[in-house]
N, C-alpha and C. Protein backbone atom coordinates (compact mmCIF):
# COMPACT_ATOMS: atom_id res chain seq x y z
N UNK A 1 0.86 -1.31 -0.14
CA UNK A 1 0.15 0.30 -0.10
C UNK A 1 0.85 1.55 0.04
N UNK A 2 0.40 2.26 -0.92
CA UNK A 2 1.33 3.41 -0.72
C UNK A 2 0.26 4.59 0.01
N UNK A 3 0.52 5.52 0.48
CA UNK A 3 -0.24 6.70 1.33
C UNK A 3 0.36 7.84 0.88
N UNK A 4 -0.07 8.68 0.48
CA UNK A 4 0.15 10.18 0.19
C UNK A 4 -0.80 10.91 1.67
N UNK A 5 -0.07 11.46 2.28
CA UNK A 5 0.21 12.38 3.59
C UNK A 5 -0.07 13.96 2.73
N UNK A 6 -1.22 14.76 3.24
CA UNK A 6 -1.99 15.32 3.10
C UNK A 6 -2.06 16.67 4.32
N UNK A 7 -1.70 17.71 4.62
CA UNK A 7 -2.06 18.37 5.47
C UNK A 7 -1.53 19.82 5.58
N UNK A 8 -1.48 20.46 6.19
CA UNK A 8 -1.60 21.93 5.88
C UNK A 8 0.10 22.58 6.49
N UNK A 9 0.44 23.60 5.58
CA UNK A 9 1.78 23.88 5.21
C UNK A 9 2.12 25.33 5.35
N UNK A 10 1.24 26.25 4.66
CA UNK A 10 1.43 27.52 4.51
C UNK A 10 0.82 27.80 5.80
N UNK A 11 2.11 28.73 5.80
CA UNK A 11 1.73 29.81 7.40
C UNK A 11 2.19 29.28 8.69
N UNK A 12 2.81 28.28 8.31
CA UNK A 12 2.95 27.37 9.67
C UNK A 12 4.85 26.88 10.11
N UNK A 13 4.93 27.23 11.10
CA UNK A 13 6.38 26.92 11.19
C UNK A 13 7.10 25.87 10.72
N UNK A 14 8.11 26.11 9.86
CA UNK A 14 8.72 24.80 9.18
C UNK A 14 8.12 24.00 8.48
N UNK A 15 6.75 24.76 7.40
CA UNK A 15 6.32 24.60 7.00
C UNK A 15 5.05 22.82 7.42
N UNK A 16 5.44 22.96 8.62
CA UNK A 16 4.72 21.48 9.58
C UNK A 16 5.78 20.56 9.41
N UNK A 17 6.79 20.58 8.73
CA UNK A 17 7.41 19.54 8.76
C UNK A 17 7.46 18.51 9.66
N UNK A 18 7.86 18.86 10.98
CA UNK A 18 7.86 17.60 12.34
C UNK A 18 6.88 16.97 12.14
N UNK A 19 5.06 17.13 11.39
CA UNK A 19 4.17 16.62 11.87
C UNK A 19 4.02 15.86 9.98
N UNK A 20 4.06 16.24 9.20
CA UNK A 20 4.70 15.49 8.18
C UNK A 20 6.03 13.86 8.66
N UNK A 21 6.80 14.64 9.34
CA UNK A 21 7.71 13.77 9.67
C UNK A 21 7.38 12.40 10.15
N UNK A 22 6.81 12.94 11.13
CA UNK A 22 5.88 12.17 12.67
C UNK A 22 5.03 10.76 11.79
N UNK A 23 4.11 11.43 11.15
CA UNK A 23 3.00 11.03 9.99
C UNK A 23 4.08 9.90 9.36
N UNK A 24 4.55 10.13 8.79
CA UNK A 24 5.53 9.52 8.11
C UNK A 24 6.43 8.20 8.70
N UNK A 25 7.04 8.50 9.53
CA UNK A 25 7.36 7.85 10.46
C UNK A 25 6.54 6.83 11.52
N UNK A 26 5.67 7.21 11.60
CA UNK A 26 4.74 6.35 12.03
C UNK A 26 3.70 5.14 11.38
N UNK A 27 3.67 5.64 9.89
CA UNK A 27 3.34 4.85 8.58
C UNK A 27 3.84 3.93 8.50
N UNK A 28 5.24 4.02 8.00
CA UNK A 28 6.77 3.38 7.64
C UNK A 28 6.84 2.35 8.81
N UNK A 29 6.55 2.70 9.59
CA UNK A 29 7.00 1.79 11.23
C UNK A 29 5.60 0.92 11.03
N UNK A 30 4.83 0.87 10.83
CA UNK A 30 3.82 -0.13 10.42
C UNK A 30 3.75 -1.23 9.41
N UNK A 31 4.80 -0.60 7.92
CA UNK A 31 5.13 -1.39 7.25
C UNK A 31 4.47 -0.55 5.60
N UNK A 32 4.08 0.58 5.89
CA UNK A 32 3.52 1.30 4.65
C UNK A 32 4.35 2.11 3.84
N UNK A 33 4.29 1.87 2.15
CA UNK A 33 5.43 2.96 1.89
C UNK A 33 4.41 4.34 1.65
N UNK A 34 5.21 5.57 2.16
CA UNK A 34 4.38 6.83 2.47
C UNK A 34 5.43 7.27 1.24
N UNK A 35 4.25 8.59 0.71
CA UNK A 35 4.95 9.80 0.02
C UNK A 35 4.49 10.88 0.55
N UNK A 36 5.70 11.79 1.19
CA UNK A 36 5.51 13.01 2.04
C UNK A 36 5.61 14.13 0.96
N UNK A 37 4.77 15.25 0.66
CA UNK A 37 5.13 16.15 -0.05
C UNK A 37 6.41 17.33 0.51
N UNK A 38 6.60 17.00 2.20
CA UNK A 38 8.14 17.17 2.40
C UNK A 38 9.36 16.44 1.92
N UNK A 39 8.80 15.55 1.35
CA UNK A 39 10.27 14.49 0.53
C UNK A 39 9.97 14.62 -0.52
N UNK A 40 9.17 15.14 -1.55
CA UNK A 40 8.89 15.67 -2.58
C UNK A 40 9.79 16.70 -3.46
N UNK A 41 9.83 17.56 -2.37
CA UNK A 41 10.35 18.95 -2.45
C UNK A 41 10.48 19.43 -1.37
N UNK A 42 12.06 19.72 -0.46
CA UNK A 42 11.35 19.81 1.07
C UNK A 42 12.05 21.04 0.99
N UNK A 43 11.78 21.22 2.77
CA UNK A 43 11.75 23.05 2.50
C UNK A 43 12.86 23.69 2.65
N UNK A 44 13.12 24.92 1.94
CA UNK A 44 14.81 25.74 0.88
C UNK A 44 14.90 25.14 0.00
N UNK A 45 14.41 23.84 -0.81
CA UNK A 45 14.71 22.90 -2.61
C UNK A 45 14.71 24.32 -3.05
N UNK A 46 13.68 25.56 -3.15
CA UNK A 46 14.09 26.51 -4.47
C UNK A 46 13.09 27.29 -4.03
N UNK A 47 12.86 28.34 -4.75
CA UNK A 47 11.89 29.21 -4.77
C UNK A 47 10.24 28.95 -6.01
N UNK A 48 9.78 28.11 -5.46
CA UNK A 48 9.05 27.29 -5.83
C UNK A 48 7.35 28.19 -5.64
N UNK A 49 6.42 28.20 -6.85
CA UNK A 49 4.80 29.19 -6.38
C UNK A 49 4.26 27.40 -5.69
N UNK A 50 3.12 27.78 -5.20
CA UNK A 50 2.48 27.36 -4.66
C UNK A 50 1.87 26.20 -5.31
N UNK A 51 1.23 27.10 -6.72
CA UNK A 51 0.96 25.77 -7.96
C UNK A 51 2.30 25.18 -8.69
N UNK A 52 3.73 25.60 -8.65
CA UNK A 52 4.18 24.61 -8.93
C UNK A 52 4.51 23.29 -8.36
N UNK A 53 4.23 23.60 -6.62
CA UNK A 53 4.15 22.56 -5.61
C UNK A 53 3.17 21.73 -5.58
N UNK A 54 1.96 21.91 -6.10
CA UNK A 54 0.93 21.22 -6.29
C UNK A 54 0.96 20.43 -7.85
N UNK A 55 1.61 20.86 -8.53
CA UNK A 55 2.02 20.49 -9.75
C UNK A 55 2.51 18.62 -9.78
N UNK A 56 3.54 19.14 -8.77
CA UNK A 56 4.46 17.67 -8.41
C UNK A 56 3.59 17.19 -7.43
N UNK A 57 3.08 17.81 -6.90
CA UNK A 57 2.64 16.79 -5.35
C UNK A 57 1.50 16.19 -5.98
N UNK A 58 0.40 16.44 -6.96
CA UNK A 58 -0.59 16.31 -7.24
C UNK A 58 -0.53 14.83 -8.62
N UNK A 59 0.87 15.13 -8.83
CA UNK A 59 1.07 13.93 -9.74
C UNK A 59 1.20 13.13 -8.94
N UNK A 60 2.61 13.54 -7.63
CA UNK A 60 2.52 12.17 -7.08
C UNK A 60 1.42 11.37 -6.45
N UNK A 61 0.51 12.04 -6.06
CA UNK A 61 -0.69 11.81 -5.33
C UNK A 61 -1.12 10.75 -6.09
N UNK A 62 -1.34 11.02 -7.75
CA UNK A 62 -1.87 10.18 -8.40
C UNK A 62 -1.35 8.21 -8.40
N UNK A 63 -0.10 8.41 -7.69
CA UNK A 63 0.24 7.03 -7.65
C UNK A 63 -0.16 6.47 -6.02
N UNK A 64 -0.67 6.93 -5.30
CA UNK A 64 -1.27 6.28 -4.54
C UNK A 64 -2.12 5.40 -4.01
N UNK A 65 -2.57 5.01 -3.18
CA UNK A 65 -3.64 4.38 -2.94
C UNK A 65 -4.26 4.38 -1.84
N UNK A 66 -3.94 5.65 -0.76
CA UNK A 66 -4.64 5.98 0.18
C UNK A 66 -3.89 7.51 0.45
N UNK A 67 -5.38 8.72 0.97
CA UNK A 67 -4.50 9.77 1.43
C UNK A 67 -4.95 9.64 3.19
N UNK A 68 -3.84 10.14 3.46
CA UNK A 68 -3.60 9.79 4.61
C UNK A 68 -3.79 11.46 5.28
N UNK A 69 -5.27 12.27 5.90
CA UNK A 69 -5.19 13.66 6.37
C UNK A 69 -4.29 14.33 7.62
N UNK A 70 -3.60 14.42 7.70
CA UNK A 70 -3.44 15.45 8.67
C UNK A 70 -4.16 16.36 9.39
N UNK A 71 -3.40 16.26 10.89
CA UNK A 71 -4.44 17.28 11.65
C UNK A 71 -4.63 19.07 11.09
N UNK A 72 -5.50 19.81 10.82
CA UNK A 72 -5.85 21.14 10.46
C UNK A 72 -5.73 20.92 9.17
N UNK A 73 -5.91 19.79 7.96
CA UNK A 73 -6.46 19.84 6.94
C UNK A 73 -7.09 20.39 6.11
N UNK A 74 -8.48 20.73 7.26
CA UNK A 74 -9.75 21.52 6.84
C UNK A 74 -8.99 22.91 5.75
N UNK A 75 -8.09 23.41 7.33
CA UNK A 75 -7.65 24.67 7.13
C UNK A 75 -7.00 25.14 5.73
N UNK A 76 -6.18 23.84 4.97
CA UNK A 76 -5.22 23.90 3.67
C UNK A 76 -6.38 24.49 2.61
N UNK A 77 -5.50 24.88 1.96
CA UNK A 77 -5.81 25.06 0.42
C UNK A 77 -5.66 23.58 -0.45
N UNK A 78 -4.29 23.70 -0.21
CA UNK A 78 -4.15 22.40 -1.08
C UNK A 78 -4.32 20.82 -0.65
N UNK A 79 -4.59 20.59 0.86
CA UNK A 79 -5.42 19.67 1.23
C UNK A 79 -6.42 19.44 1.26
N UNK A 80 -6.96 20.46 0.98
CA UNK A 80 -8.70 20.26 0.31
C UNK A 80 -8.46 19.92 -1.29
N UNK A 81 -7.50 20.23 -2.18
CA UNK A 81 -7.37 19.81 -3.19
C UNK A 81 -7.05 18.60 -3.69
N UNK A 82 -6.28 18.46 -2.89
CA UNK A 82 -5.69 16.60 -2.56
C UNK A 82 -6.46 15.82 -2.41
N UNK A 83 -7.41 16.38 -1.13
CA UNK A 83 -8.53 15.24 -1.20
C UNK A 83 -9.89 15.43 -2.07
N UNK A 84 -9.82 16.48 -2.78
CA UNK A 84 -10.83 16.06 -3.91
C UNK A 84 -10.45 15.55 -4.84
N UNK A 85 -9.59 15.66 -5.02
CA UNK A 85 -8.83 14.78 -6.15
C UNK A 85 -8.52 12.78 -6.05
N UNK A 86 -7.93 12.92 -4.74
CA UNK A 86 -7.95 11.90 -4.23
C UNK A 86 -9.10 11.07 -4.30
N UNK A 87 -11.03 11.45 -3.58
CA UNK A 87 -11.84 11.14 -3.63
C UNK A 87 -12.48 10.87 -5.60
N UNK A 88 -11.87 12.15 -6.25
CA UNK A 88 -12.59 11.97 -7.37
C UNK A 88 -11.84 10.02 -8.25
N UNK A 89 -11.21 9.61 -7.48
CA UNK A 89 -10.06 8.96 -8.30
C UNK A 89 -10.60 7.46 -7.68
N UNK A 90 -11.18 7.70 -6.75
CA UNK A 90 -11.36 7.15 -5.86
C UNK A 90 -10.41 6.22 -4.62
N UNK A 91 -9.36 7.05 -4.49
CA UNK A 91 -8.99 7.15 -3.10
C UNK A 91 -9.45 6.66 -1.83
N UNK A 92 -8.80 5.39 -1.14
CA UNK A 92 -9.57 5.93 0.13
C UNK A 92 -8.97 7.11 1.08
N UNK A 93 -9.62 7.61 1.73
CA UNK A 93 -9.26 8.51 2.39
C UNK A 93 -9.22 8.46 3.98
N UNK A 94 -8.65 8.68 4.47
CA UNK A 94 -7.94 8.25 5.86
C UNK A 94 -7.77 8.93 6.98
N UNK A 95 -8.66 9.39 8.13
CA UNK A 95 -8.54 10.06 9.03
C UNK A 95 -7.90 9.83 10.09
N UNK A 96 -7.51 8.56 10.28
CA UNK A 96 -7.15 8.50 11.59
C UNK A 96 -5.59 9.61 11.94
N UNK A 97 -5.12 9.82 11.86
CA UNK A 97 -4.48 10.94 12.11
C UNK A 97 -4.77 12.15 12.83
N UNK A 98 -5.96 12.26 11.87
CA UNK A 98 -6.65 13.61 12.43
C UNK A 98 -7.47 13.16 13.25
N UNK A 99 -7.75 11.98 13.54
CA UNK A 99 -8.74 11.47 14.61
C UNK A 99 -8.06 11.68 15.87
N UNK A 100 -6.80 10.95 15.82
CA UNK A 100 -6.20 10.57 17.36
C UNK A 100 -5.48 11.77 17.64
N UNK A 101 -5.36 13.06 17.04
CA UNK A 101 -4.79 14.09 17.70
C UNK A 101 -5.65 14.75 18.19
């Protein structure tokens, strides 16, 4: 199974990297293959626009089996878009990390 992590980044300290890293570690410990936007284009990777990040991230999402929503995803324009795309293509939407936080 391949899980894509989705959650808020913009305006958060370190672009919410600690939350993405913790979620990735937790899922990998369960044997899940993880795609994390922070690993696709890590903080400081360059002066990319939001649109450029979303193009790369959405392409990665299309290779996943499930989207895992991190706490606060509801406030993120990008996470809302990723969730909508995931639902449209029939991916499982996993709220476990949101519900346990």
